[in-house]
Amino acid sequence: MEDSLSRAFAALADPIRRDIVARLTADDATVTELAEPYDVSLQAVSKHLGVLEAAGLISRRRDGQQRWAHLEVDVFDLLTGWIDHHRRRAELRYQRLDAVLAEMSATDPETPE
């Protein structure tokens, strides 16, 4: 089953795509501008953009001969919501463990303070 969360995380698994997303946080860019720092073809960058677009992370538009990429920030709510939910669950788990260890330490006379 392929859901939006899975597509977004899969798209961000590639370092070039993560870098493209990071660069698009500053401003929209053309495919040519996005391809400049990489030692890959324009076609390869276009494929990366296609993956990002399919995941809902970017949208693209044509303006004359240029193709512009635009970051879609709404999908980040989905990603951060999932991450925050699991981070909170993990923190609660560790807080419970800390409480158990503190209780054990308080009742065990051989535990150094």
C-alpha atoms as a PDB file:
ATOM      1  CA  MET A   1       0.000   0.000   0.000  1.00  0.00           C
ATOM      2  CA  GLU A   2       1.412   3.336  -1.101  1.00  0.00           C
ATOM      3  CA  ASP A   3       0.155   6.305   0.903  1.00  0.00           C
ATOM      4  CA  SER A   4       1.195   9.974   0.865  1.00  0.00           C
ATOM      5  CA  LEU A   5       3.355   9.637   3.951  1.00  0.00           C
ATOM      6  CA  SER A   6       5.270   6.719   2.441  1.00  0.00           C
ATOM      7  CA  ARG A   7       5.725   8.539  -0.874  1.00  0.00           C
ATOM      8  CA  ALA A   8       7.001  11.662   0.886  1.00  0.00           C
ATOM      9  CA  PHE A   9       9.506   9.782   3.053  1.00  0.00           C
ATOM     10  CA  ALA A  10      10.640   7.694   0.060  1.00  0.00           C
ATOM     11  CA  ALA A  11      11.146  10.855  -1.996  1.00  0.00           C
ATOM     12  CA  LEU A  12      13.214  12.411   0.789  1.00  0.00           C
ATOM     13  CA  ALA A  13      15.391   9.304   1.112  1.00  0.00           C
ATOM     14  CA  ASP A  14      17.598  10.527  -1.744  1.00  0.00           C
ATOM     15  CA  PRO A  15      20.205  13.190  -0.845  1.00  0.00           C
ATOM     16  CA  ILE A  16      19.808  15.107  -4.119  1.00  0.00           C
ATOM     17  CA  ARG A  17      16.047  15.319  -3.615  1.00  0.00           C
ATOM     18  CA  ARG A  18      16.521  16.458   0.003  1.00  0.00           C
ATOM     19  CA  ASP A  19      18.914  19.140  -1.221  1.00  0.00           C
ATOM     20  CA  ILE A  20      16.464  20.249  -3.915  1.00  0.00           C
ATOM     21  CA  VAL A  21      13.723  20.577  -1.278  1.00  0.00           C
ATOM     22  CA  ALA A  22      16.086  22.560   0.960  1.00  0.00           C
ATOM     23  CA  ARG A  23      16.972  24.886  -1.906  1.00  0.00           C
ATOM     24  CA  LEU A  24      13.309  25.412  -2.779  1.00  0.00           C
ATOM     25  CA  THR A  25      12.644  26.696   0.754  1.00  0.00           C
ATOM     26  CA  ALA A  26      14.383  29.917  -0.336  1.00  0.00           C
ATOM     27  CA  ASP A  27      12.534  30.448  -3.631  1.00  0.00           C
ATOM     28  CA  ASP A  28      11.045  28.771  -6.688  1.00  0.00           C
ATOM     29  CA  ALA A  29      13.657  27.665  -9.215  1.00  0.00           C
ATOM     30  CA  THR A  30      13.919  26.400 -12.757  1.00  0.00           C
ATOM     31  CA  VAL A  31      15.110  22.906 -13.600  1.00  0.00           C
ATOM     32  CA  THR A  32      18.311  24.432 -15.001  1.00  0.00           C
ATOM     33  CA  GLU A  33      18.962  26.356 -11.780  1.00  0.00           C
ATOM     34  CA  LEU A  34      18.279  23.275  -9.677  1.00  0.00           C
ATOM     35  CA  ALA A  35      20.627  21.145 -11.809  1.00  0.00           C
ATOM     36  CA  GLU A  36      23.614  23.533 -11.548  1.00  0.00           C
ATOM     37  CA  PRO A  37      25.351  22.154  -8.428  1.00  0.00           C
ATOM     38  CA  TYR A  38      25.005  18.484  -9.389  1.00  0.00           C
ATOM     39  CA  ASP A  39      27.104  16.372 -11.670  1.00  0.00           C
ATOM     40  CA  VAL A  40      24.005  14.856 -13.292  1.00  0.00           C
ATOM     41  CA  SER A  41      22.037  15.595 -16.463  1.00  0.00           C
ATOM     42  CA  LEU A  42      19.004  17.838 -16.695  1.00  0.00           C
ATOM     43  CA  GLN A  43      16.990  14.694 -17.395  1.00  0.00           C
ATOM     44  CA  ALA A  44      18.166  13.161 -14.107  1.00  0.00           C
ATOM     45  CA  VAL A  45      17.151  16.296 -12.207  1.00  0.00           C
ATOM     46  CA  SER A  46      13.782  16.237 -14.009  1.00  0.00           C
ATOM     47  CA  LYS A  47      13.298  12.648 -12.837  1.00  0.00           C
ATOM     48  CA  HIS A  48      14.101  13.696  -9.261  1.00  0.00           C
ATOM     49  CA  LEU A  49      11.562  16.509  -9.596  1.00  0.00           C
ATOM     50  CA  GLY A  50       9.001  14.009 -10.888  1.00  0.00           C
ATOM     51  CA  VAL A  51       9.460  11.891  -7.763  1.00  0.00           C
ATOM     52  CA  LEU A  52       9.111  14.966  -5.540  1.00  0.00           C
ATOM     53  CA  GLU A  53       6.001  16.032  -7.450  1.00  0.00           C
ATOM     54  CA  ALA A  54       4.415  12.566  -7.227  1.00  0.00           C
ATOM     55  CA  ALA A  55       5.017  12.682  -3.468  1.00  0.00           C
ATOM     56  CA  GLY A  56       3.259  16.053  -3.242  1.00  0.00           C
ATOM     57  CA  LEU A  57       6.387  17.867  -2.073  1.00  0.00           C
ATOM     58  CA  ILE A  58       6.599  20.173  -5.091  1.00  0.00           C
ATOM     59  CA  SER A  59       4.488  21.410  -7.955  1.00  0.00           C
ATOM     60  CA  ARG A  60       5.776  22.434 -11.357  1.00  0.00           C
ATOM     61  CA  ARG A  61       4.603  25.020 -13.858  1.00  0.00           C
ATOM     62  CA  ARG A  62       5.696  26.047 -17.302  1.00  0.00           C
ATOM     63  CA  ASP A  63       6.428  29.687 -18.092  1.00  0.00           C
ATOM     64  CA  GLY A  64       7.404  29.942 -21.731  1.00  0.00           C
ATOM     65  CA  GLN A  65      10.414  27.669 -22.215  1.00  0.00           C
ATOM     66  CA  GLN A  66      11.193  27.402 -18.517  1.00  0.00           C
ATOM     67  CA  ARG A  67       9.841  24.851 -16.074  1.00  0.00           C
ATOM     68  CA  TRP A  68       9.592  26.158 -12.511  1.00  0.00           C
ATOM     69  CA  ALA A  69       9.516  24.070  -9.344  1.00  0.00           C
ATOM     70  CA  HIS A  70       7.589  25.271  -6.302  1.00  0.00           C
ATOM     71  CA  LEU A  71       7.734  23.785  -2.800  1.00  0.00           C
ATOM     72  CA  GLU A  72       4.355  22.636  -1.434  1.00  0.00           C
ATOM     73  CA  VAL A  73       4.649  23.217   2.300  1.00  0.00           C
ATOM     74  CA  ASP A  74       1.373  21.520   3.288  1.00  0.00           C
ATOM     75  CA  VAL A  75       2.906  18.061   2.980  1.00  0.00           C
ATOM     76  CA  PHE A  76       5.376  18.995   5.718  1.00  0.00           C
ATOM     77  CA  ASP A  77       2.464  19.145   8.167  1.00  0.00           C
ATOM     78  CA  LEU A  78       1.839  15.470   7.428  1.00  0.00           C
ATOM     79  CA  LEU A  79       5.519  14.571   7.892  1.00  0.00           C
ATOM     80  CA  THR A  80       6.074  16.602  11.054  1.00  0.00           C
ATOM     81  CA  GLY A  81       2.785  15.403  12.523  1.00  0.00           C
ATOM     82  CA  TRP A  82       3.873  11.779  12.119  1.00  0.00           C
ATOM     83  CA  ILE A  83       7.348  12.489  13.517  1.00  0.00           C
ATOM     84  CA  ASP A  84       6.027  14.526  16.460  1.00  0.00           C
ATOM     85  CA  HIS A  85       3.484  11.831  17.372  1.00  0.00           C
ATOM     86  CA  HIS A  86       6.161   9.138  17.543  1.00  0.00           C
ATOM     87  CA  ARG A  87       8.667  11.406  19.288  1.00  0.00           C
ATOM     88  CA  ARG A  88       6.105  12.138  22.029  1.00  0.00           C
ATOM     89  CA  ARG A  89       5.378   8.412  22.440  1.00  0.00           C
ATOM     90  CA  ALA A  90       9.095   7.660  22.764  1.00  0.00           C
ATOM     91  CA  GLU A  91       9.574  10.491  25.284  1.00  0.00           C
ATOM     92  CA  LEU A  92       6.710   9.152  27.425  1.00  0.00           C
ATOM     93  CA  ARG A  93       8.280   5.709  27.342  1.00  0.00           C
ATOM     94  CA  TYR A  94      11.604   7.086  28.585  1.00  0.00           C
ATOM     95  CA  GLN A  95       9.889   9.178  31.253  1.00  0.00           C
ATOM     96  CA  ARG A  96       8.220   6.011  32.586  1.00  0.00           C
ATOM     97  CA  LEU A  97      11.576   4.237  32.558  1.00  0.00           C
ATOM     98  CA  ASP A  98      13.198   7.157  34.419  1.00  0.00           C
ATOM     99  CA  ALA A  99      10.442   6.987  37.041  1.00  0.00           C
ATOM    100  CA  VAL A 100      10.953   3.231  37.536  1.00  0.00           C
ATOM    101  CA  LEU A 101      14.725   3.668  37.840  1.00  0.00           C
ATOM    102  CA  ALA A 102      14.299   6.526  40.317  1.00  0.00           C
ATOM    103  CA  GLU A 103      11.938   4.407  42.405  1.00  0.00           C
ATOM    104  CA  MET A 104      14.342   1.452  42.328  1.00  0.00           C
ATOM    105  CA  SER A 105      17.205   3.732  43.338  1.00  0.00           C
ATOM    106  CA  ALA A 106      15.212   5.155  46.268  1.00  0.00           C
ATOM    107  CA  THR A 107      14.292   1.711  47.657  1.00  0.00           C
ATOM    108  CA  ASP A 108      17.603  -0.107  47.044  1.00  0.00           C
ATOM    109  CA  PRO A 109      20.085   0.585  49.877  1.00  0.00           C
ATOM    110  CA  GLU A 110      23.005  -0.721  47.785  1.00  0.00           C
ATOM    111  CA  THR A 111      22.448   1.754  44.950  1.00  0.00           C
ATOM    112  CA  PRO A 112      25.039   4.555  45.108  1.00  0.00           C
ATOM    113  CA  GLU A 113      23.611   8.079  45.047  1.00  0.00           C
END
